[in-house]
Amino acid sequence: MRDLFADQLRTDNRLELVKDADLKTLMGELDPLSLPRSEADVSEAVLVTGWGKDGRDEAILFIACAPDNNLKWYGYIKIAGGFSGARLVFQ
């Protein structure tokens, strides 16, 4: 976890949720929810900007439901340089 904060989530980066991002379109029609194992119980995938040492990368965060019904962060996929035009996909 220390490496994640040191390499990806520096204190001077500003993370921002990209609301209404069409991840399936951005991923070439691949449904991001098809990537995690089914037993992971991932229910949502969201796009977040501001990752990386320079804050220009993006990441897809996978959110799962824990046995106690609380949400938990299951994992992420980092997109170096971000998706081209990701912020223009939604209105």
N, C-alpha and C. Protein backbone atom coordinates (compact mmCIF):
# COMPACT_ATOMS: atom_id res chain seq x y z
N MET A 1 0.82 -1.19 0.00
CA MET A 1 0.00 0.00 0.00
C MET A 1 0.87 1.26 0.00
N ARG A 2 2.00 1.20 0.68
CA ARG A 2 2.90 2.35 0.73
C ARG A 2 3.36 2.73 -0.67
N ASP A 3 3.66 1.71 -1.51
CA ASP A 3 4.09 1.99 -2.88
C ASP A 3 2.98 2.66 -3.69
N LEU A 4 1.75 2.26 -3.45
CA LEU A 4 0.63 2.87 -4.16
C LEU A 4 0.57 4.37 -3.88
N PHE A 5 0.68 4.74 -2.64
CA PHE A 5 0.64 6.17 -2.30
C PHE A 5 1.88 6.90 -2.79
N ALA A 6 3.03 6.29 -2.70
CA ALA A 6 4.28 6.94 -3.12
C ALA A 6 4.35 7.11 -4.63
N ASP A 7 3.88 6.12 -5.39
CA ASP A 7 4.03 6.14 -6.84
C ASP A 7 2.81 6.65 -7.60
N GLN A 8 1.62 6.53 -7.02
CA GLN A 8 0.42 6.85 -7.77
C GLN A 8 -0.43 7.96 -7.16
N LEU A 9 -0.49 8.03 -5.85
CA LEU A 9 -1.43 8.94 -5.20
C LEU A 9 -0.68 9.94 -4.33
N ARG A 10 0.20 10.67 -4.94
CA ARG A 10 1.02 11.62 -4.20
C ARG A 10 0.14 12.67 -3.53
N THR A 11 0.66 13.27 -2.48
CA THR A 11 -0.13 14.24 -1.71
C THR A 11 -0.50 15.48 -2.51
N ASP A 12 0.27 15.81 -3.55
CA ASP A 12 -0.03 17.00 -4.34
C ASP A 12 -0.95 16.72 -5.53
N ASN A 13 -1.32 15.45 -5.75
CA ASN A 13 -2.25 15.11 -6.83
C ASN A 13 -3.68 15.38 -6.37
N ARG A 14 -4.50 15.74 -7.32
CA ARG A 14 -5.92 15.96 -7.03
C ARG A 14 -6.73 14.93 -7.80
N LEU A 15 -7.25 13.95 -7.07
CA LEU A 15 -8.07 12.92 -7.69
C LEU A 15 -9.47 13.46 -7.94
N GLU A 16 -10.04 13.05 -9.09
CA GLU A 16 -11.38 13.52 -9.43
C GLU A 16 -12.13 12.41 -10.14
N LEU A 17 -13.35 12.14 -9.72
CA LEU A 17 -14.22 11.17 -10.35
C LEU A 17 -14.72 11.73 -11.67
N VAL A 18 -14.63 10.93 -12.73
CA VAL A 18 -15.17 11.35 -14.03
C VAL A 18 -16.60 10.81 -14.09
N LYS A 19 -17.54 11.69 -13.79
CA LYS A 19 -18.95 11.27 -13.75
C LYS A 19 -19.45 10.94 -15.14
N ASP A 20 -20.26 9.92 -15.22
CA ASP A 20 -20.92 9.50 -16.46
C ASP A 20 -19.95 9.09 -17.56
N ALA A 21 -18.73 8.68 -17.21
CA ALA A 21 -17.79 8.19 -18.23
C ALA A 21 -18.31 6.88 -18.79
N ASP A 22 -18.29 6.73 -20.08
CA ASP A 22 -18.73 5.49 -20.74
C ASP A 22 -17.53 4.56 -20.84
N LEU A 23 -17.27 3.81 -19.77
CA LEU A 23 -16.08 2.97 -19.72
C LEU A 23 -16.09 1.89 -20.80
N LYS A 24 -17.26 1.35 -21.10
CA LYS A 24 -17.33 0.30 -22.13
C LYS A 24 -16.85 0.85 -23.47
N THR A 25 -17.27 2.03 -23.84
CA THR A 25 -16.82 2.65 -25.09
C THR A 25 -15.33 2.96 -25.02
N LEU A 26 -14.87 3.52 -23.91
CA LEU A 26 -13.46 3.86 -23.76
C LEU A 26 -12.57 2.62 -23.84
N MET A 27 -13.10 1.47 -23.43
CA MET A 27 -12.33 0.23 -23.43
C MET A 27 -12.58 -0.61 -24.68
N GLY A 28 -13.04 0.02 -25.76
CA GLY A 28 -13.23 -0.71 -27.02
C GLY A 28 -14.33 -1.74 -26.95
N GLU A 29 -15.44 -1.39 -26.28
CA GLU A 29 -16.63 -2.22 -26.11
C GLU A 29 -16.45 -3.38 -25.12
N LEU A 30 -15.37 -3.40 -24.37
CA LEU A 30 -15.17 -4.39 -23.32
C LEU A 30 -15.82 -3.88 -22.04
N ASP A 31 -16.70 -4.67 -21.47
CA ASP A 31 -17.37 -4.28 -20.22
C ASP A 31 -16.37 -4.42 -19.08
N PRO A 32 -16.05 -3.32 -18.38
CA PRO A 32 -15.06 -3.41 -17.30
C PRO A 32 -15.48 -4.36 -16.19
N LEU A 33 -16.79 -4.55 -16.00
CA LEU A 33 -17.25 -5.45 -14.95
C LEU A 33 -17.05 -6.92 -15.29
N SER A 34 -16.64 -7.19 -16.54
CA SER A 34 -16.35 -8.58 -16.93
C SER A 34 -14.92 -8.97 -16.56
N LEU A 35 -14.10 -8.03 -16.11
CA LEU A 35 -12.69 -8.32 -15.81
C LEU A 35 -12.45 -8.98 -14.45
N PRO A 36 -13.03 -8.49 -13.36
CA PRO A 36 -12.78 -9.14 -12.06
C PRO A 36 -13.44 -10.52 -11.99
N ARG A 37 -12.89 -11.38 -11.15
CA ARG A 37 -13.48 -12.70 -10.93
C ARG A 37 -14.90 -12.52 -10.38
N SER A 38 -15.79 -13.41 -10.74
CA SER A 38 -17.18 -13.29 -10.30
C SER A 38 -17.31 -13.37 -8.78
N GLU A 39 -16.47 -14.18 -8.13
CA GLU A 39 -16.55 -14.29 -6.67
C GLU A 39 -16.08 -13.02 -5.94
N ALA A 40 -15.50 -12.07 -6.67
CA ALA A 40 -15.07 -10.80 -6.06
C ALA A 40 -16.28 -9.93 -5.73
N ASP A 41 -17.43 -10.21 -6.36
CA ASP A 41 -18.66 -9.48 -6.10
C ASP A 41 -18.51 -7.98 -6.41
N VAL A 42 -17.78 -7.67 -7.49
CA VAL A 42 -17.61 -6.28 -7.92
C VAL A 42 -18.93 -5.81 -8.53
N SER A 43 -19.40 -4.65 -8.06
CA SER A 43 -20.69 -4.15 -8.52
C SER A 43 -20.58 -2.86 -9.33
N GLU A 44 -19.42 -2.21 -9.27
CA GLU A 44 -19.28 -0.94 -9.98
C GLU A 44 -17.82 -0.71 -10.38
N ALA A 45 -17.66 -0.04 -11.52
CA ALA A 45 -16.35 0.40 -11.99
C ALA A 45 -16.47 1.89 -12.28
N VAL A 46 -15.54 2.68 -11.75
CA VAL A 46 -15.58 4.13 -11.94
C VAL A 46 -14.23 4.63 -12.45
N LEU A 47 -14.25 5.71 -13.20
CA LEU A 47 -13.04 6.31 -13.73
C LEU A 47 -12.63 7.49 -12.86
N VAL A 48 -11.34 7.52 -12.49
CA VAL A 48 -10.80 8.58 -11.65
C VAL A 48 -9.56 9.17 -12.32
N THR A 49 -9.50 10.50 -12.40
CA THR A 49 -8.33 11.18 -12.98
C THR A 49 -7.42 11.66 -11.85
N GLY A 50 -6.20 12.04 -12.22
CA GLY A 50 -5.26 12.62 -11.27
C GLY A 50 -4.24 11.64 -10.72
N TRP A 51 -4.15 10.47 -11.30
CA TRP A 51 -3.20 9.44 -10.83
C TRP A 51 -1.82 9.68 -11.43
N GLY A 52 -0.84 9.02 -10.88
CA GLY A 52 0.52 9.04 -11.41
C GLY A 52 1.35 10.16 -10.81
N LYS A 53 2.65 10.08 -11.09
CA LYS A 53 3.57 11.07 -10.53
C LYS A 53 3.29 12.48 -11.00
N ASP A 54 2.75 12.61 -12.22
CA ASP A 54 2.46 13.95 -12.73
C ASP A 54 0.96 14.27 -12.69
N GLY A 55 0.15 13.34 -12.20
CA GLY A 55 -1.29 13.57 -12.10
C GLY A 55 -2.04 13.47 -13.41
N ARG A 56 -1.39 12.97 -14.47
CA ARG A 56 -2.03 12.91 -15.78
C ARG A 56 -2.61 11.55 -16.14
N ASP A 57 -2.39 10.57 -15.27
CA ASP A 57 -2.91 9.23 -15.54
C ASP A 57 -4.33 9.12 -15.01
N GLU A 58 -5.02 8.09 -15.45
CA GLU A 58 -6.36 7.80 -14.97
C GLU A 58 -6.38 6.35 -14.48
N ALA A 59 -7.41 6.00 -13.74
CA ALA A 59 -7.55 4.64 -13.26
C ALA A 59 -9.02 4.27 -13.21
N ILE A 60 -9.28 3.00 -13.50
CA ILE A 60 -10.60 2.44 -13.31
C ILE A 60 -10.56 1.75 -11.95
N LEU A 61 -11.42 2.18 -11.04
CA LEU A 61 -11.49 1.59 -9.72
C LEU A 61 -12.66 0.61 -9.68
N PHE A 62 -12.41 -0.56 -9.12
CA PHE A 62 -13.43 -1.58 -8.99
C PHE A 62 -13.94 -1.61 -7.56
N ILE A 63 -15.26 -1.47 -7.39
CA ILE A 63 -15.89 -1.42 -6.08
C ILE A 63 -16.67 -2.72 -5.88
N ALA A 64 -16.45 -3.36 -4.73
CA ALA A 64 -17.12 -4.62 -4.42
C ALA A 64 -17.94 -4.47 -3.14
N CYS A 65 -18.82 -5.41 -2.93
CA CYS A 65 -19.62 -5.45 -1.72
C CYS A 65 -19.06 -6.51 -0.79
N ALA A 66 -18.68 -6.11 0.41
CA ALA A 66 -18.14 -7.03 1.41
C ALA A 66 -19.28 -7.86 2.01
N PRO A 67 -18.95 -8.98 2.65
CA PRO A 67 -19.99 -9.82 3.26
C PRO A 67 -20.89 -9.07 4.25
N ASP A 68 -20.38 -8.01 4.88
CA ASP A 68 -21.19 -7.23 5.82
C ASP A 68 -21.98 -6.11 5.12
N ASN A 69 -22.02 -6.17 3.77
CA ASN A 69 -22.74 -5.20 2.91
C ASN A 69 -22.10 -3.83 2.83
N ASN A 70 -20.91 -3.65 3.37
CA ASN A 70 -20.17 -2.41 3.19
C ASN A 70 -19.44 -2.48 1.85
N LEU A 71 -19.24 -1.32 1.25
CA LEU A 71 -18.50 -1.27 0.00
C LEU A 71 -17.01 -1.29 0.29
N LYS A 72 -16.24 -1.90 -0.61
CA LYS A 72 -14.79 -1.93 -0.46
C LYS A 72 -14.15 -1.77 -1.83
N TRP A 73 -12.94 -1.26 -1.81
CA TRP A 73 -12.18 -1.09 -3.03
C TRP A 73 -11.53 -2.44 -3.34
N TYR A 74 -11.88 -3.02 -4.49
CA TYR A 74 -11.36 -4.34 -4.86
C TYR A 74 -10.02 -4.25 -5.58
N GLY A 75 -9.89 -3.28 -6.48
CA GLY A 75 -8.66 -3.14 -7.25
C GLY A 75 -8.78 -2.01 -8.25
N TYR A 76 -7.76 -1.88 -9.08
CA TYR A 76 -7.77 -0.81 -10.07
C TYR A 76 -6.96 -1.21 -11.30
N ILE A 77 -7.24 -0.52 -12.39
CA ILE A 77 -6.44 -0.61 -13.62
C ILE A 77 -5.98 0.81 -13.92
N LYS A 78 -4.69 1.00 -14.01
CA LYS A 78 -4.14 2.32 -14.31
C LYS A 78 -4.01 2.49 -15.82
N ILE A 79 -4.42 3.65 -16.32
CA ILE A 79 -4.29 3.99 -17.74
C ILE A 79 -3.27 5.11 -17.83
N ALA A 80 -2.04 4.74 -18.17
CA ALA A 80 -0.96 5.72 -18.26
C ALA A 80 -1.31 6.78 -19.30
N GLY A 81 -1.27 8.04 -18.91
CA GLY A 81 -1.62 9.12 -19.83
C GLY A 81 -3.11 9.35 -19.94
N GLY A 82 -3.91 8.46 -19.38
CA GLY A 82 -5.36 8.60 -19.41
C GLY A 82 -5.96 8.20 -20.75
N PHE A 83 -7.26 8.04 -20.77
CA PHE A 83 -7.98 7.77 -22.02
C PHE A 83 -8.02 9.05 -22.83
N SER A 84 -7.72 8.96 -24.10
CA SER A 84 -7.77 10.14 -24.97
C SER A 84 -9.21 10.62 -25.07
N GLY A 85 -9.48 11.83 -24.62
CA GLY A 85 -10.80 12.42 -24.73
C GLY A 85 -11.80 11.91 -23.70
N ALA A 86 -11.33 11.29 -22.61
CA ALA A 86 -12.24 10.71 -21.63
C ALA A 86 -13.23 11.75 -21.09
N ARG A 87 -12.79 12.97 -20.91
CA ARG A 87 -13.66 13.98 -20.33
C ARG A 87 -14.69 14.51 -21.34
N LEU A 88 -14.56 14.12 -22.60
CA LEU A 88 -15.49 14.59 -23.62
C LEU A 88 -16.57 13.57 -23.92
N VAL A 89 -16.54 12.40 -23.29
CA VAL A 89 -17.50 11.34 -23.58
C VAL A 89 -18.86 11.62 -22.96
N PHE A 90 -18.91 12.33 -21.87
CA PHE A 90 -20.19 12.60 -21.21
C PHE A 90 -20.62 14.03 -21.45
N GLN A 91 -21.87 14.29 -21.17
CA GLN A 91 -22.40 15.65 -21.37
C GLN A 91 -22.79 16.27 -20.06
